[in-house]
Amino acid sequence: MSIITIVTGEIDAGKTRYLHERASQSGTAAWLSVKSLPGYDLLMLPAGGRILLARPAGTDIPRDWFPFRRFFFNPAAFAAAESCWAAFEGSPPKELILDEVGPLELEGRGFAPLLRVFLSAGSDLTVSVRPSLLEAVPDCFGFSPDRIIHL
């Protein structure tokens, strides 16, 4: 039976740093939203692939990116995340890490399709979620966390 863990904390509490260190030490498969001024990149471990993920409105944004709240998101980043997962071809890692699940995913976009796949993969799963969404994310995706780590 898989264990589902939520790592929570406000912006800049260290959620991504905590998950990056954990994934790096254990060789766990991880999809991390890392700061890359002026926005965020998607870092995929253990392979180390990195792609632009989100940039704030008002910066130079490619045409095919889509807006959501104060950011524009790169659909190619979500496609790359799904391709990275597909490379495991039926033998998922023992543990998966996804950073971060937020309002975009609650609308069924962003990492939402990948999270649904992860939840059915049978692997242990750790996701980062902001405190304000601690009830909404499990409710939306139909799981009950086994552990919640507050940073």
N, C-alpha and C. Protein backbone atom coordinates (compact mmCIF):
# COMPACT_ATOMS: atom_id res chain seq x y z
N MET A 1 0.84 -1.18 0.00
CA MET A 1 0.00 0.00 0.00
C MET A 1 0.88 1.25 0.00
N SER A 2 0.55 2.19 -0.84
CA SER A 2 1.38 3.39 -0.95
C SER A 2 1.08 4.38 0.17
N ILE A 3 2.08 5.17 0.48
CA ILE A 3 1.97 6.20 1.51
C ILE A 3 1.93 7.55 0.80
N ILE A 4 0.96 8.38 1.16
CA ILE A 4 0.85 9.72 0.58
C ILE A 4 1.19 10.74 1.66
N THR A 5 2.17 11.58 1.33
CA THR A 5 2.64 12.62 2.25
C THR A 5 2.43 13.98 1.61
N ILE A 6 1.94 14.91 2.40
CA ILE A 6 1.86 16.31 1.97
C ILE A 6 2.92 17.09 2.75
N VAL A 7 3.69 17.88 2.02
CA VAL A 7 4.62 18.83 2.62
C VAL A 7 3.99 20.20 2.44
N THR A 8 3.81 20.93 3.53
CA THR A 8 3.12 22.21 3.45
C THR A 8 3.90 23.32 4.15
N GLY A 9 3.63 24.52 3.73
CA GLY A 9 4.26 25.70 4.30
C GLY A 9 3.95 26.87 3.37
N GLU A 10 4.06 28.06 3.91
CA GLU A 10 3.79 29.26 3.12
C GLU A 10 4.86 29.42 2.04
N ILE A 11 4.69 30.42 1.18
CA ILE A 11 5.68 30.75 0.15
C ILE A 11 7.01 31.02 0.85
N ASP A 12 8.08 30.48 0.31
CA ASP A 12 9.45 30.62 0.84
C ASP A 12 9.68 29.94 2.17
N ALA A 13 8.83 28.97 2.52
CA ALA A 13 9.03 28.22 3.78
C ALA A 13 10.09 27.13 3.62
N GLY A 14 10.45 26.79 2.37
CA GLY A 14 11.47 25.77 2.15
C GLY A 14 10.92 24.45 1.64
N LYS A 15 9.70 24.42 1.13
CA LYS A 15 9.10 23.17 0.64
C LYS A 15 9.93 22.57 -0.49
N THR A 16 10.22 23.38 -1.50
CA THR A 16 10.97 22.88 -2.66
C THR A 16 12.37 22.47 -2.27
N ARG A 17 13.03 23.25 -1.45
CA ARG A 17 14.39 22.91 -0.99
C ARG A 17 14.37 21.57 -0.25
N TYR A 18 13.40 21.39 0.65
CA TYR A 18 13.26 20.14 1.39
C TYR A 18 13.08 18.96 0.44
N LEU A 19 12.18 19.11 -0.54
CA LEU A 19 11.90 18.02 -1.48
C LEU A 19 13.09 17.76 -2.41
N HIS A 20 13.79 18.81 -2.81
CA HIS A 20 14.97 18.65 -3.67
C HIS A 20 16.06 17.88 -2.93
N GLU A 21 16.31 18.24 -1.68
CA GLU A 21 17.33 17.52 -0.88
C GLU A 21 16.93 16.06 -0.70
N ARG A 22 15.68 15.83 -0.41
CA ARG A 22 15.19 14.46 -0.21
C ARG A 22 15.35 13.63 -1.49
N ALA A 23 14.95 14.21 -2.62
CA ALA A 23 15.06 13.49 -3.89
C ALA A 23 16.53 13.26 -4.27
N SER A 24 17.37 14.25 -4.05
CA SER A 24 18.79 14.12 -4.41
C SER A 24 19.49 13.05 -3.58
N GLN A 25 19.15 12.97 -2.31
CA GLN A 25 19.79 11.99 -1.42
C GLN A 25 19.34 10.57 -1.70
N SER A 26 18.07 10.42 -2.13
CA SER A 26 17.53 9.07 -2.29
C SER A 26 17.45 8.60 -3.74
N GLY A 27 17.66 9.51 -4.69
CA GLY A 27 17.52 9.15 -6.10
C GLY A 27 16.08 9.00 -6.52
N THR A 28 15.17 9.55 -5.73
CA THR A 28 13.74 9.48 -6.00
C THR A 28 13.38 10.27 -7.24
N ALA A 29 12.37 9.82 -7.96
CA ALA A 29 11.84 10.56 -9.11
C ALA A 29 11.08 11.77 -8.59
N ALA A 30 11.44 12.96 -9.07
CA ALA A 30 10.83 14.19 -8.58
C ALA A 30 10.60 15.17 -9.71
N TRP A 31 9.50 15.89 -9.59
CA TRP A 31 9.15 16.97 -10.49
C TRP A 31 9.03 18.20 -9.60
N LEU A 32 10.00 19.13 -9.70
CA LEU A 32 10.11 20.25 -8.77
C LEU A 32 9.96 21.59 -9.49
N SER A 33 9.17 22.48 -8.89
CA SER A 33 9.03 23.85 -9.39
C SER A 33 10.05 24.72 -8.68
N VAL A 34 11.18 24.96 -9.34
CA VAL A 34 12.29 25.69 -8.70
C VAL A 34 12.32 27.14 -9.17
N LYS A 35 12.66 28.04 -8.23
CA LYS A 35 12.74 29.46 -8.56
C LYS A 35 13.83 29.69 -9.60
N SER A 36 13.50 30.50 -10.57
CA SER A 36 14.42 30.90 -11.62
C SER A 36 13.96 32.28 -12.05
N LEU A 37 14.56 33.28 -11.46
CA LEU A 37 14.07 34.64 -11.68
C LEU A 37 13.99 34.97 -13.15
N PRO A 38 12.87 35.48 -13.58
CA PRO A 38 11.81 36.07 -12.76
C PRO A 38 10.65 35.13 -12.43
N GLY A 39 10.78 33.86 -12.61
CA GLY A 39 9.66 32.95 -12.36
C GLY A 39 10.11 31.62 -11.82
N TYR A 40 9.65 30.54 -12.47
CA TYR A 40 9.94 29.18 -12.02
C TYR A 40 10.28 28.30 -13.22
N ASP A 41 11.14 27.33 -12.96
CA ASP A 41 11.46 26.28 -13.92
C ASP A 41 10.98 24.96 -13.35
N LEU A 42 10.78 23.99 -14.23
CA LEU A 42 10.48 22.63 -13.81
C LEU A 42 11.78 21.84 -13.87
N LEU A 43 12.18 21.27 -12.74
CA LEU A 43 13.37 20.41 -12.64
C LEU A 43 12.89 18.99 -12.44
N MET A 44 13.34 18.09 -13.32
CA MET A 44 12.92 16.69 -13.24
C MET A 44 14.12 15.84 -12.82
N LEU A 45 13.97 15.15 -11.69
CA LEU A 45 15.04 14.32 -11.15
C LEU A 45 14.63 12.85 -11.23
N PRO A 46 15.54 11.92 -11.33
CA PRO A 46 16.98 12.09 -11.22
C PRO A 46 17.68 12.50 -12.52
N ALA A 47 16.96 12.54 -13.63
CA ALA A 47 17.61 12.85 -14.92
C ALA A 47 18.19 14.25 -14.97
N GLY A 48 17.57 15.19 -14.28
CA GLY A 48 18.10 16.55 -14.23
C GLY A 48 17.60 17.46 -15.34
N GLY A 49 16.62 17.01 -16.13
CA GLY A 49 16.07 17.88 -17.15
C GLY A 49 15.44 19.11 -16.54
N ARG A 50 15.58 20.24 -17.23
CA ARG A 50 15.05 21.51 -16.71
C ARG A 50 14.42 22.28 -17.87
N ILE A 51 13.23 22.85 -17.62
CA ILE A 51 12.51 23.58 -18.65
C ILE A 51 11.77 24.76 -17.99
N LEU A 52 11.63 25.85 -18.73
CA LEU A 52 10.88 27.00 -18.23
C LEU A 52 9.45 26.56 -17.90
N LEU A 53 8.96 26.96 -16.72
CA LEU A 53 7.63 26.55 -16.28
C LEU A 53 6.66 27.73 -16.22
N ALA A 54 7.04 28.78 -15.51
CA ALA A 54 6.12 29.90 -15.30
C ALA A 54 6.89 31.21 -15.22
N ARG A 55 6.28 32.25 -15.75
CA ARG A 55 6.85 33.58 -15.69
C ARG A 55 5.73 34.55 -15.35
N PRO A 56 6.04 35.60 -14.58
CA PRO A 56 5.00 36.55 -14.21
C PRO A 56 4.53 37.37 -15.41
N ALA A 57 3.28 37.81 -15.33
CA ALA A 57 2.76 38.73 -16.35
C ALA A 57 3.65 39.96 -16.38
N GLY A 58 3.81 40.52 -17.55
CA GLY A 58 4.65 41.71 -17.70
C GLY A 58 6.06 41.39 -18.13
N THR A 59 6.42 40.11 -18.17
CA THR A 59 7.73 39.72 -18.69
C THR A 59 7.53 39.22 -20.12
N ASP A 60 8.62 38.94 -20.80
CA ASP A 60 8.55 38.47 -22.18
C ASP A 60 8.01 37.04 -22.21
N ILE A 61 6.79 36.87 -22.68
CA ILE A 61 6.11 35.58 -22.64
C ILE A 61 5.89 35.06 -24.08
N PRO A 62 6.31 33.83 -24.36
CA PRO A 62 6.01 33.25 -25.68
C PRO A 62 4.50 33.13 -25.91
N ARG A 63 4.10 33.16 -27.17
CA ARG A 63 2.68 33.15 -27.54
C ARG A 63 1.91 31.94 -27.05
N ASP A 64 2.53 30.77 -27.01
CA ASP A 64 1.77 29.56 -26.70
C ASP A 64 1.60 29.32 -25.19
N TRP A 65 2.15 30.18 -24.36
CA TRP A 65 1.96 30.04 -22.92
C TRP A 65 0.57 30.51 -22.54
N PHE A 66 0.00 29.95 -21.46
CA PHE A 66 -1.35 30.34 -21.06
C PHE A 66 -1.34 31.08 -19.71
N PRO A 67 -2.24 32.05 -19.56
CA PRO A 67 -2.29 32.82 -18.32
C PRO A 67 -3.09 32.10 -17.23
N PHE A 68 -2.64 32.29 -16.01
CA PHE A 68 -3.39 31.85 -14.84
C PHE A 68 -2.97 32.72 -13.67
N ARG A 69 -3.91 33.47 -13.18
CA ARG A 69 -3.66 34.43 -12.10
C ARG A 69 -2.50 35.35 -12.48
N ARG A 70 -1.45 35.42 -11.67
CA ARG A 70 -0.39 36.39 -11.96
C ARG A 70 0.75 35.83 -12.80
N PHE A 71 0.61 34.58 -13.28
CA PHE A 71 1.66 33.95 -14.07
C PHE A 71 1.15 33.50 -15.43
N PHE A 72 2.11 33.29 -16.32
CA PHE A 72 1.86 32.59 -17.58
C PHE A 72 2.61 31.26 -17.49
N PHE A 73 1.99 30.17 -17.96
CA PHE A 73 2.57 28.84 -17.84
C PHE A 73 2.91 28.27 -19.21
N ASN A 74 3.98 27.51 -19.23
CA ASN A 74 4.50 26.90 -20.44
C ASN A 74 3.89 25.51 -20.61
N PRO A 75 3.02 25.30 -21.58
CA PRO A 75 2.43 23.96 -21.76
C PRO A 75 3.49 22.90 -22.08
N ALA A 76 4.61 23.30 -22.67
CA ALA A 76 5.67 22.34 -22.97
C ALA A 76 6.28 21.76 -21.70
N ALA A 77 6.25 22.52 -20.61
CA ALA A 77 6.79 22.00 -19.34
C ALA A 77 5.93 20.85 -18.82
N PHE A 78 4.61 21.00 -18.92
CA PHE A 78 3.73 19.93 -18.46
C PHE A 78 3.83 18.71 -19.37
N ALA A 79 4.01 18.94 -20.66
CA ALA A 79 4.22 17.83 -21.60
C ALA A 79 5.54 17.12 -21.29
N ALA A 80 6.59 17.89 -20.96
CA ALA A 80 7.88 17.29 -20.62
C ALA A 80 7.76 16.45 -19.34
N ALA A 81 6.98 16.93 -18.38
CA ALA A 81 6.77 16.18 -17.13
C ALA A 81 6.10 14.85 -17.42
N GLU A 82 5.10 14.88 -18.30
CA GLU A 82 4.41 13.64 -18.65
C GLU A 82 5.32 12.70 -19.45
N SER A 83 6.17 13.24 -20.31
CA SER A 83 7.13 12.42 -21.06
C SER A 83 8.15 11.77 -20.14
N CYS A 84 8.58 12.53 -19.14
CA CYS A 84 9.54 11.99 -18.16
C CYS A 84 8.91 10.81 -17.43
N TRP A 85 7.64 10.95 -17.06
CA TRP A 85 6.92 9.86 -16.40
C TRP A 85 6.80 8.66 -17.33
N ALA A 86 6.47 8.92 -18.60
CA ALA A 86 6.28 7.83 -19.58
C ALA A 86 7.55 7.01 -19.75
N ALA A 87 8.70 7.60 -19.49
CA ALA A 87 9.97 6.89 -19.64
C ALA A 87 10.10 5.73 -18.65
N PHE A 88 9.30 5.74 -17.59
CA PHE A 88 9.36 4.64 -16.62
C PHE A 88 8.65 3.39 -17.13
N GLU A 89 7.89 3.51 -18.19
CA GLU A 89 7.25 2.41 -18.91
C GLU A 89 6.81 1.22 -18.06
N GLY A 90 5.83 1.45 -17.22
CA GLY A 90 5.24 0.34 -16.48
C GLY A 90 5.98 -0.10 -15.24
N SER A 91 7.16 0.46 -14.97
CA SER A 91 7.84 0.11 -13.72
C SER A 91 8.12 1.40 -12.95
N PRO A 92 7.08 1.91 -12.28
CA PRO A 92 7.22 3.18 -11.57
C PRO A 92 8.21 3.08 -10.42
N PRO A 93 8.88 4.19 -10.11
CA PRO A 93 9.79 4.20 -8.96
C PRO A 93 9.01 3.95 -7.67
N LYS A 94 9.74 3.57 -6.64
CA LYS A 94 9.13 3.31 -5.33
C LYS A 94 8.48 4.57 -4.76
N GLU A 95 9.09 5.73 -5.05
CA GLU A 95 8.56 6.99 -4.52
C GLU A 95 8.55 8.05 -5.61
N LEU A 96 7.53 8.90 -5.56
CA LEU A 96 7.38 10.01 -6.48
C LEU A 96 7.20 11.29 -5.69
N ILE A 97 7.76 12.39 -6.20
CA ILE A 97 7.62 13.69 -5.55
C ILE A 97 7.10 14.68 -6.59
N LEU A 98 6.07 15.45 -6.22
CA LEU A 98 5.50 16.46 -7.11
C LEU A 98 5.38 17.78 -6.35
N ASP A 99 6.04 18.80 -6.89
CA ASP A 99 6.08 20.14 -6.29
C ASP A 99 5.67 21.15 -7.36
N GLU A 100 4.61 21.79 -7.32
CA GLU A 100 3.65 21.89 -6.24
C GLU A 100 2.26 21.74 -6.81
N VAL A 101 1.31 21.34 -5.99
CA VAL A 101 -0.08 21.20 -6.41
C VAL A 101 -0.84 22.39 -5.83
N GLY A 102 -1.45 23.17 -6.73
CA GLY A 102 -2.10 24.40 -6.28
C GLY A 102 -3.39 24.68 -7.02
N PRO A 103 -3.78 25.96 -7.07
CA PRO A 103 -5.04 26.34 -7.71
C PRO A 103 -5.15 25.93 -9.18
N LEU A 104 -4.05 25.95 -9.91
CA LEU A 104 -4.08 25.54 -11.31
C LEU A 104 -4.52 24.08 -11.43
N GLU A 105 -3.99 23.24 -10.56
CA GLU A 105 -4.34 21.82 -10.57
C GLU A 105 -5.77 21.59 -10.10
N LEU A 106 -6.25 22.42 -9.18
CA LEU A 106 -7.64 22.30 -8.73
C LEU A 106 -8.62 22.57 -9.85
N GLU A 107 -8.16 23.28 -10.88
CA GLU A 107 -9.00 23.52 -12.06
C GLU A 107 -8.78 22.45 -13.13
N GLY A 108 -8.02 21.40 -12.80
CA GLY A 108 -7.80 20.30 -13.74
C GLY A 108 -6.69 20.55 -14.74
N ARG A 109 -5.89 21.58 -14.53
CA ARG A 109 -4.83 21.95 -15.46
C ARG A 109 -3.47 21.72 -14.81
N GLY A 110 -2.41 22.13 -15.50
CA GLY A 110 -1.07 22.01 -14.94
C GLY A 110 -0.69 20.56 -14.71
N PHE A 111 -0.31 20.24 -13.46
CA PHE A 111 0.11 18.89 -13.11
C PHE A 111 -1.06 17.97 -12.75
N ALA A 112 -2.30 18.44 -12.87
CA ALA A 112 -3.46 17.63 -12.46
C ALA A 112 -3.50 16.26 -13.14
N PRO A 113 -3.33 16.16 -14.47
CA PRO A 113 -3.36 14.83 -15.08
C PRO A 113 -2.25 13.92 -14.56
N LEU A 114 -1.07 14.49 -14.35
CA LEU A 114 0.06 13.70 -13.86
C LEU A 114 -0.19 13.24 -12.42
N LEU A 115 -0.75 14.12 -11.59
CA LEU A 115 -1.07 13.74 -10.22
C LEU A 115 -2.05 12.58 -10.19
N ARG A 116 -3.04 12.60 -11.05
CA ARG A 116 -4.00 11.49 -11.10
C ARG A 116 -3.31 10.17 -11.47
N VAL A 117 -2.38 10.24 -12.39
CA VAL A 117 -1.61 9.04 -12.77
C VAL A 117 -0.76 8.58 -11.58
N PHE A 118 -0.09 9.53 -10.93
CA PHE A 118 0.75 9.17 -9.77
C PHE A 118 -0.07 8.49 -8.68
N LEU A 119 -1.26 8.98 -8.44
CA LEU A 119 -2.11 8.41 -7.39
C LEU A 119 -2.51 6.98 -7.68
N SER A 120 -2.52 6.60 -8.94
CA SER A 120 -2.89 5.23 -9.29
C SER A 120 -1.68 4.34 -9.57
N ALA A 121 -0.46 4.89 -9.44
CA ALA A 121 0.75 4.15 -9.80
C ALA A 121 1.18 3.11 -8.76
N GLY A 122 0.71 3.26 -7.53
CA GLY A 122 1.11 2.33 -6.48
C GLY A 122 2.39 2.71 -5.78
N SER A 123 2.99 3.82 -6.16
CA SER A 123 4.22 4.31 -5.53
C SER A 123 3.87 5.18 -4.34
N ASP A 124 4.82 5.30 -3.40
CA ASP A 124 4.66 6.31 -2.36
C ASP A 124 4.70 7.66 -3.05
N LEU A 125 3.93 8.62 -2.55
CA LEU A 125 3.82 9.91 -3.21
C LEU A 125 3.94 11.02 -2.18
N THR A 126 4.77 12.00 -2.50
CA THR A 126 4.88 13.21 -1.69
C THR A 126 4.56 14.40 -2.58
N VAL A 127 3.64 15.24 -2.13
CA VAL A 127 3.27 16.44 -2.87
C VAL A 127 3.39 17.65 -1.95
N SER A 128 3.76 18.79 -2.54
CA SER A 128 3.75 20.02 -1.76
C SER A 128 2.47 20.78 -2.04
N VAL A 129 1.91 21.34 -0.98
CA VAL A 129 0.62 22.04 -1.04
C VAL A 129 0.69 23.20 -0.04
N ARG A 130 0.21 24.34 -0.45
CA ARG A 130 0.16 25.47 0.48
C ARG A 130 -0.89 25.21 1.56
N PRO A 131 -0.69 25.78 2.76
CA PRO A 131 -1.62 25.53 3.87
C PRO A 131 -3.08 25.83 3.53
N SER A 132 -3.32 26.86 2.74
CA SER A 132 -4.70 27.23 2.42
C SER A 132 -5.42 26.18 1.57
N LEU A 133 -4.67 25.24 1.00
CA LEU A 133 -5.27 24.21 0.13
C LEU A 133 -5.18 22.80 0.73
N LEU A 134 -4.84 22.70 2.00
CA LEU A 134 -4.67 21.39 2.64
C LEU A 134 -5.91 20.52 2.61
N GLU A 135 -7.08 21.11 2.60
CA GLU A 135 -8.32 20.33 2.49
C GLU A 135 -8.75 20.18 1.04
N ALA A 136 -8.61 21.24 0.26
CA ALA A 136 -9.11 21.25 -1.11
C ALA A 136 -8.39 20.26 -2.02
N VAL A 137 -7.06 20.15 -1.89
CA VAL A 137 -6.32 19.26 -2.80
C VAL A 137 -6.69 17.79 -2.57
N PRO A 138 -6.63 17.27 -1.36
CA PRO A 138 -7.05 15.87 -1.17
C PRO A 138 -8.51 15.63 -1.58
N ASP A 139 -9.39 16.58 -1.28
CA ASP A 139 -10.79 16.43 -1.67
C ASP A 139 -10.93 16.36 -3.19
N CYS A 140 -10.27 17.25 -3.89
CA CYS A 140 -10.37 17.32 -5.35
C CYS A 140 -9.82 16.05 -6.02
N PHE A 141 -8.73 15.52 -5.47
CA PHE A 141 -8.06 14.38 -6.11
C PHE A 141 -8.38 13.04 -5.46
N GLY A 142 -9.25 13.05 -4.45
CA GLY A 142 -9.76 11.82 -3.88
C GLY A 142 -8.76 10.99 -3.09
N PHE A 143 -7.96 11.66 -2.28
CA PHE A 143 -7.05 10.91 -1.42
C PHE A 143 -7.05 11.50 -0.02
N SER A 144 -6.56 10.71 0.90
CA SER A 144 -6.40 11.13 2.28
C SER A 144 -4.92 10.98 2.63
N PRO A 145 -4.24 12.06 2.97
CA PRO A 145 -2.81 11.92 3.24
C PRO A 145 -2.53 11.10 4.50
N ASP A 146 -1.46 10.30 4.40
CA ASP A 146 -1.04 9.52 5.56
C ASP A 146 -0.22 10.36 6.53
N ARG A 147 0.48 11.35 5.95
CA ARG A 147 1.34 12.23 6.75
C ARG A 147 1.24 13.63 6.20
N ILE A 148 1.37 14.62 7.11
CA ILE A 148 1.50 16.02 6.70
C ILE A 148 2.71 16.58 7.42
N ILE A 149 3.65 17.10 6.65
CA ILE A 149 4.86 17.69 7.19
C ILE A 149 4.72 19.21 7.07
N HIS A 150 4.76 19.90 8.18
CA HIS A 150 4.64 21.37 8.20
C HIS A 150 6.04 21.97 8.27
N LEU A 151 6.35 22.83 7.33
CA LEU A 151 7.65 23.53 7.33
C LEU A 151 7.44 24.98 7.72
